[in-house]
Amino acid sequence: MSGGCKGDLEEPLELFYAAVAGGVVTIERVDFLGTPVDLVSKESLLEAIDQSLEAGKRKQIIFATNAAKVTRCRRSVEFTRLLAQATYIIPDGAGVSFPLRAAGFHRQQRVTGVDTAEALLSQANYRSRSLYLFGANEEVVQAFACRIRTEFPQINLVGVRNGFVEGNEESFVLCDEISSLNPDYLFVARGTPLQERWLTSHLERLRFGVAIGLGGSFDVLTGRVQRAPDWARKGGVEWLYRTVLSPRARLGRTLKECLPLIPGLVAGVARRTIGRPWSKPERY
């Protein structure tokens, strides 16, 4: 296998699974055009996280993947390597979940970062767990913190920090602060690939329960950016809905992200290469 990024797939070198609790495999990781993705539902993800935290398992990471990230993986071995280090890789975009269903995984649905974050907030509130927010600008992250204090009063919000961190020294100070608090949940919203690179590169220095990369989702979680209607999200056409609303801003980006994948998607479904067990390449 050519680094999990380009070229035709060969037989996997070894099986690699995202979550193992008590020696039992709970979530399977598969190959999607050279990008790792987990066959997971929101319910099974939440159950795995909750059980792991209750068992004392720390330093779990959730990354999301979509058409844009698949395209990035096919162009960058480094980014594939960053993504593959996550404990869970959720199929956020319809450009991933639809082809997986076409490839035979008929029950696979989208598991969006926003929905996962909302569910983790409810879980944290129910369990009276702690949370640290890191990302977005000061106004947005403070607005998110205000919402959490109001709607989720049982969450122990131990830290709030905007996403503007420059240089290793400032990152080290932040890591030490987060580690001293050892939050059960760490929400990081710095955009791709910055958040993936920051989390994985500072993993040894950090202490936390579960961290999730949320990109620009703090704006959505505060209500500053409205989500698409339920029918668009459930039908997997949220991207089309947003493109119709903002054609100039979205059309070029959508074509850039999706067009390069079409030949691979068609070939992958036809050859049944989409959904093969993910192998951990030697160069990782």
Protein backbone atom coordinates (compact mmCIF):
# COMPACT_ATOMS: atom_id res chain seq x y z
CA MET A 1 0.00 0.00 0.00
CA SER A 2 1.43 3.38 -0.99
CA GLY A 3 1.32 5.27 2.30
CA GLY A 4 -2.47 5.24 2.45
CA CYS A 5 -2.64 8.16 0.08
CA LYS A 6 -2.28 7.40 -3.61
CA GLY A 7 -2.37 4.48 -5.99
CA ASP A 8 -4.41 1.32 -6.19
CA LEU A 9 -5.12 -0.54 -2.97
CA GLU A 10 -3.35 -3.79 -2.27
CA GLU A 11 -4.12 -6.42 0.33
CA PRO A 12 -3.93 -4.84 3.81
CA LEU A 13 -0.76 -5.44 5.77
CA GLU A 14 -2.58 -5.68 9.10
CA LEU A 15 -5.94 -4.83 10.56
CA PHE A 16 -6.28 -1.63 12.51
CA TYR A 17 -9.30 -0.73 14.59
CA ALA A 18 -10.24 2.52 16.25
CA ALA A 19 -11.64 1.51 19.60
CA VAL A 20 -10.74 -1.45 21.75
CA ALA A 21 -12.33 -1.68 25.19
CA GLY A 22 -11.38 -4.55 27.47
CA GLY A 23 -9.76 -6.34 24.54
CA VAL A 24 -13.00 -6.28 22.53
CA VAL A 25 -13.05 -4.50 19.17
CA THR A 26 -15.97 -2.07 19.16
CA ILE A 27 -15.51 0.02 16.01
CA GLU A 28 -14.04 -1.04 12.67
CA ARG A 29 -11.80 1.23 10.61
CA VAL A 30 -11.90 0.91 6.83
CA ASP A 31 -10.18 2.41 3.81
CA PHE A 32 -12.00 5.07 1.80
CA LEU A 33 -9.89 6.00 -1.24
CA GLY A 34 -6.76 5.92 0.88
CA THR A 35 -8.38 7.76 3.79
CA PRO A 36 -9.18 6.04 7.10
CA VAL A 37 -12.80 6.22 8.28
CA ASP A 38 -14.68 4.39 11.02
CA LEU A 39 -17.92 2.47 10.54
CA VAL A 40 -19.65 4.09 13.46
CA SER A 41 -23.03 5.52 14.36
CA LYS A 42 -23.46 8.46 16.69
CA GLU A 43 -24.98 6.13 19.30
CA SER A 44 -22.13 3.59 19.18
CA LEU A 45 -19.56 6.39 19.26
CA LEU A 46 -21.11 7.96 22.36
CA GLU A 47 -21.36 4.58 24.06
CA ALA A 48 -17.71 3.79 23.33
CA ILE A 49 -16.58 7.17 24.64
CA ASP A 50 -18.70 6.98 27.78
CA GLN A 51 -17.55 3.45 28.60
CA SER A 52 -13.92 4.35 27.98
CA LEU A 53 -14.08 7.43 30.22
CA GLU A 54 -15.82 5.45 32.96
CA ALA A 55 -13.05 2.85 32.68
CA GLY A 56 -10.39 5.54 33.04
CA LYS A 57 -9.15 5.47 29.46
CA ARG A 58 -7.81 8.93 28.55
CA LYS A 59 -6.34 10.69 25.51
CA GLN A 60 -8.97 9.66 23.00
CA ILE A 61 -9.24 11.80 19.87
CA ILE A 62 -12.16 12.29 17.46
CA PHE A 63 -11.48 13.64 13.97
CA ALA A 64 -14.05 13.98 11.20
CA THR A 65 -13.59 13.29 7.52
CA ASN A 66 -15.47 14.56 4.46
CA ALA A 67 -14.84 15.03 0.74
CA ALA A 68 -12.42 17.90 1.34
CA LYS A 69 -10.32 15.85 3.76
CA VAL A 70 -10.33 12.81 1.48
CA THR A 71 -9.00 15.03 -1.31
CA ARG A 72 -6.37 16.41 1.08
CA CYS A 73 -5.34 12.89 2.08
CA ARG A 74 -4.88 11.88 -1.55
CA ARG A 75 -2.47 14.80 -1.95
CA SER A 76 -0.70 14.63 1.41
CA VAL A 77 0.73 11.60 3.18
CA GLU A 78 1.38 13.86 6.18
CA PHE A 79 -2.30 14.68 6.59
CA THR A 80 -3.29 11.02 6.21
CA ARG A 81 -0.83 10.23 8.97
CA LEU A 82 -2.33 12.92 11.22
CA LEU A 83 -5.87 11.72 10.62
CA ALA A 84 -4.99 8.06 11.19
CA GLN A 85 -3.73 8.82 14.71
CA ALA A 86 -7.27 9.55 15.92
CA THR A 87 -9.09 7.06 18.13
CA TYR A 88 -12.26 7.69 16.13
CA ILE A 89 -12.66 9.08 12.58
CA ILE A 90 -16.30 9.92 11.94
CA PRO A 91 -17.87 10.08 8.43
CA ASP A 92 -19.00 13.70 8.59
CA GLY A 93 -19.77 14.38 4.93
CA ALA A 94 -22.35 12.91 2.56
CA GLY A 95 -19.48 12.51 0.11
CA VAL A 96 -18.17 9.79 2.44
CA SER A 97 -21.32 8.23 3.90
CA PHE A 98 -23.16 7.85 0.55
CA PRO A 99 -20.33 5.92 -1.20
CA LEU A 100 -19.91 3.73 1.88
CA ARG A 101 -23.57 2.76 1.61
CA ALA A 102 -23.15 2.15 -2.13
CA ALA A 103 -20.17 -0.07 -1.31
CA GLY A 104 -22.34 -2.31 0.86
CA PHE A 105 -22.36 -0.61 4.26
CA HIS A 106 -26.08 0.08 3.98
CA ARG A 107 -26.60 1.30 7.54
CA GLN A 108 -23.82 3.86 7.53
CA GLN A 109 -25.12 7.36 8.19
CA ARG A 110 -23.42 10.73 8.48
CA VAL A 111 -22.00 11.43 11.91
CA THR A 112 -21.38 15.17 11.90
CA GLY A 113 -19.02 17.02 14.16
CA VAL A 114 -21.75 19.43 15.25
CA ASP A 115 -24.16 16.62 16.18
CA THR A 116 -21.38 14.79 18.00
CA ALA A 117 -20.42 17.92 19.94
CA GLU A 118 -24.03 18.48 20.98
CA ALA A 119 -24.32 14.87 22.10
CA LEU A 120 -21.04 15.09 24.06
CA LEU A 121 -22.33 18.20 25.82
CA SER A 122 -25.44 16.29 26.88
CA GLN A 123 -23.29 13.36 28.00
CA ALA A 124 -20.96 15.63 29.96
CA ASN A 125 -23.91 17.36 31.61
CA TYR A 126 -25.50 14.04 32.59
CA ARG A 127 -22.23 12.73 34.01
CA SER A 128 -21.21 16.07 35.59
CA ARG A 129 -17.91 15.98 33.72
CA SER A 130 -15.41 18.73 32.89
CA LEU A 131 -14.83 20.56 29.61
CA TYR A 132 -12.20 22.86 28.12
CA LEU A 133 -12.93 25.03 25.05
CA PHE A 134 -10.09 25.99 22.71
CA GLY A 135 -10.73 27.65 19.38
CA ALA A 136 -12.43 30.35 17.28
CA ASN A 137 -12.08 34.03 18.15
CA GLU A 138 -12.61 35.47 21.62
CA GLU A 139 -16.16 36.65 20.97
CA VAL A 140 -17.33 33.32 19.59
CA VAL A 141 -15.68 31.07 22.19
CA GLN A 142 -17.02 33.24 25.03
CA ALA A 143 -20.51 33.10 23.50
CA PHE A 144 -20.22 29.31 23.36
CA ALA A 145 -19.08 29.22 26.97
CA CYS A 146 -22.08 31.36 27.96
CA ARG A 147 -24.44 28.96 26.22
CA ILE A 148 -22.88 25.96 27.97
CA ARG A 149 -23.18 27.58 31.42
CA THR A 150 -26.85 28.33 30.73
CA GLU A 151 -28.01 25.13 29.00
CA PHE A 152 -25.66 22.57 30.59
CA PRO A 153 -25.30 23.66 34.23
CA GLN A 154 -23.82 20.35 35.41
CA ILE A 155 -20.79 20.69 33.13
CA ASN A 156 -17.67 21.88 34.91
CA LEU A 157 -16.31 24.36 32.35
CA VAL A 158 -12.70 24.51 33.49
CA GLY A 159 -11.18 26.62 30.70
CA VAL A 160 -12.01 28.87 27.76
CA ARG A 161 -9.33 29.94 25.27
CA ASN A 162 -9.53 31.45 21.79
CA GLY A 163 -7.72 29.65 18.98
CA PHE A 164 -5.01 32.22 18.32
CA VAL A 165 -1.83 30.62 19.60
CA GLU A 166 1.51 31.50 18.07
CA GLY A 167 4.71 29.50 18.35
CA ASN A 168 5.72 26.48 20.36
CA GLU A 169 6.31 28.40 23.59
CA GLU A 170 2.74 29.68 23.73
CA SER A 171 1.42 26.23 22.79
CA PHE A 172 3.50 24.63 25.55
CA VAL A 173 2.05 27.03 28.13
CA LEU A 174 -1.46 26.22 26.93
CA CYS A 175 -0.76 22.48 26.97
CA ASP A 176 0.51 22.73 30.54
CA GLU A 177 -2.63 24.63 31.56
CA ILE A 178 -4.92 22.05 29.93
CA SER A 179 -2.94 19.18 31.43
CA SER A 180 -3.12 20.66 34.92
CA LEU A 181 -6.91 20.76 34.59
CA ASN A 182 -7.09 17.35 32.86
CA PRO A 183 -10.57 17.95 31.39
CA ASP A 184 -12.79 15.04 30.49
CA TYR A 185 -13.64 16.73 27.18
CA LEU A 186 -11.48 19.04 25.08
CA PHE A 187 -13.18 20.86 22.19
CA VAL A 188 -10.66 22.20 19.66
CA ALA A 189 -11.91 24.44 16.84
CA ARG A 190 -9.00 25.74 14.80
CA GLY A 191 -9.78 24.48 11.30
CA THR A 192 -8.09 21.79 9.22
CA PRO A 193 -5.24 20.87 9.22
CA LEU A 194 -4.20 23.13 12.11
CA GLN A 195 -6.31 21.41 14.76
CA GLU A 196 -5.24 17.91 13.70
CA ARG A 197 -1.59 18.94 13.65
CA TRP A 198 -1.80 20.74 17.00
CA LEU A 199 -3.49 17.88 18.83
CA THR A 200 -1.27 15.10 17.51
CA SER A 201 1.99 17.03 17.84
CA HIS A 202 1.28 17.93 21.49
CA LEU A 203 -0.35 14.66 22.49
CA GLU A 204 2.46 13.55 24.80
CA ARG A 205 2.35 16.86 26.65
CA LEU A 206 -1.44 16.96 26.99
CA ARG A 207 -3.76 15.33 29.53
CA PHE A 208 -7.47 15.02 28.74
CA GLY A 209 -10.22 12.44 28.40
CA VAL A 210 -11.50 12.85 24.86
CA ALA A 211 -10.68 15.63 22.38
CA ILE A 212 -12.64 16.47 19.25
CA GLY A 213 -11.58 18.63 16.30
CA LEU A 214 -14.50 20.87 15.37
CA GLY A 215 -13.17 23.17 12.66
CA GLY A 216 -15.45 26.21 12.43
CA SER A 217 -18.31 24.59 14.35
CA PHE A 218 -18.22 26.94 17.33
CA ASP A 219 -20.03 29.45 15.11
CA VAL A 220 -22.77 26.88 14.52
CA LEU A 221 -22.88 25.75 18.14
CA THR A 222 -23.46 29.35 19.26
CA GLY A 223 -26.19 29.90 16.67
CA ARG A 224 -24.22 32.56 14.80
CA VAL A 225 -24.27 30.36 11.68
CA GLN A 226 -27.54 28.58 11.02
CA ARG A 227 -27.53 24.91 10.07
CA ALA A 228 -29.36 23.64 7.03
CA PRO A 229 -32.95 22.44 7.62
CA ASP A 230 -33.51 18.92 8.93
CA TRP A 231 -34.71 17.66 5.54
CA ALA A 232 -31.46 18.78 3.89
CA ARG A 233 -29.27 17.25 6.59
CA LYS A 234 -31.16 13.96 6.74
CA GLY A 235 -31.25 13.73 2.95
CA GLY A 236 -27.51 14.30 2.69
CA VAL A 237 -27.90 17.42 0.54
CA GLU A 238 -26.76 20.03 3.04
CA TRP A 239 -23.90 20.87 0.69
CA LEU A 240 -26.37 21.50 -2.14
CA TYR A 241 -28.59 23.62 0.08
CA ARG A 242 -25.67 25.84 1.08
CA THR A 243 -24.43 26.02 -2.51
CA VAL A 244 -27.82 27.28 -3.70
CA LEU A 245 -27.86 29.91 -0.96
CA SER A 246 -24.29 31.08 -1.64
CA PRO A 247 -23.35 29.91 -5.15
CA ARG A 248 -20.31 32.16 -5.57
CA ALA A 249 -18.80 31.22 -2.24
CA ARG A 250 -19.57 27.52 -2.35
CA LEU A 251 -19.64 26.32 -5.96
CA GLY A 252 -15.93 26.63 -6.68
CA ARG A 253 -15.02 25.06 -3.37
CA THR A 254 -17.46 22.15 -3.89
CA LEU A 255 -16.13 21.43 -7.37
CA LYS A 256 -12.53 21.61 -6.15
CA GLU A 257 -13.23 19.17 -3.32
CA CYS A 258 -15.53 16.70 -5.08
CA LEU A 259 -14.56 16.51 -8.75
CA PRO A 260 -11.14 14.90 -8.11
CA LEU A 261 -12.86 12.10 -6.19
CA ILE A 262 -15.42 11.03 -8.79
CA PRO A 263 -13.19 8.67 -10.84
CA GLY A 264 -11.90 7.03 -7.67
CA LEU A 265 -15.40 6.69 -6.22
CA VAL A 266 -16.76 5.03 -9.34
CA ALA A 267 -13.79 2.66 -9.57
CA GLY A 268 -13.81 2.01 -5.83
CA VAL A 269 -17.46 0.99 -5.75
CA ALA A 270 -17.11 -1.11 -8.92
CA ARG A 271 -13.96 -2.89 -7.73
CA ARG A 272 -15.16 -3.19 -4.13
CA THR A 273 -12.04 -1.48 -2.82
CA ILE A 274 -13.98 1.08 -0.78
CA GLY A 275 -14.45 -0.34 2.70
CA ARG A 276 -11.54 -2.74 2.84
CA PRO A 277 -10.05 -3.03 6.33
CA TRP A 278 -7.72 -0.14 7.00
CA SER A 279 -4.10 -1.19 7.22
CA LYS A 280 -1.50 0.75 9.13
CA PRO A 281 1.20 1.38 6.48
CA GLU A 282 4.81 0.85 7.46
CA ARG A 283 5.72 4.46 6.67
CA TYR A 284 3.33 5.64 9.40
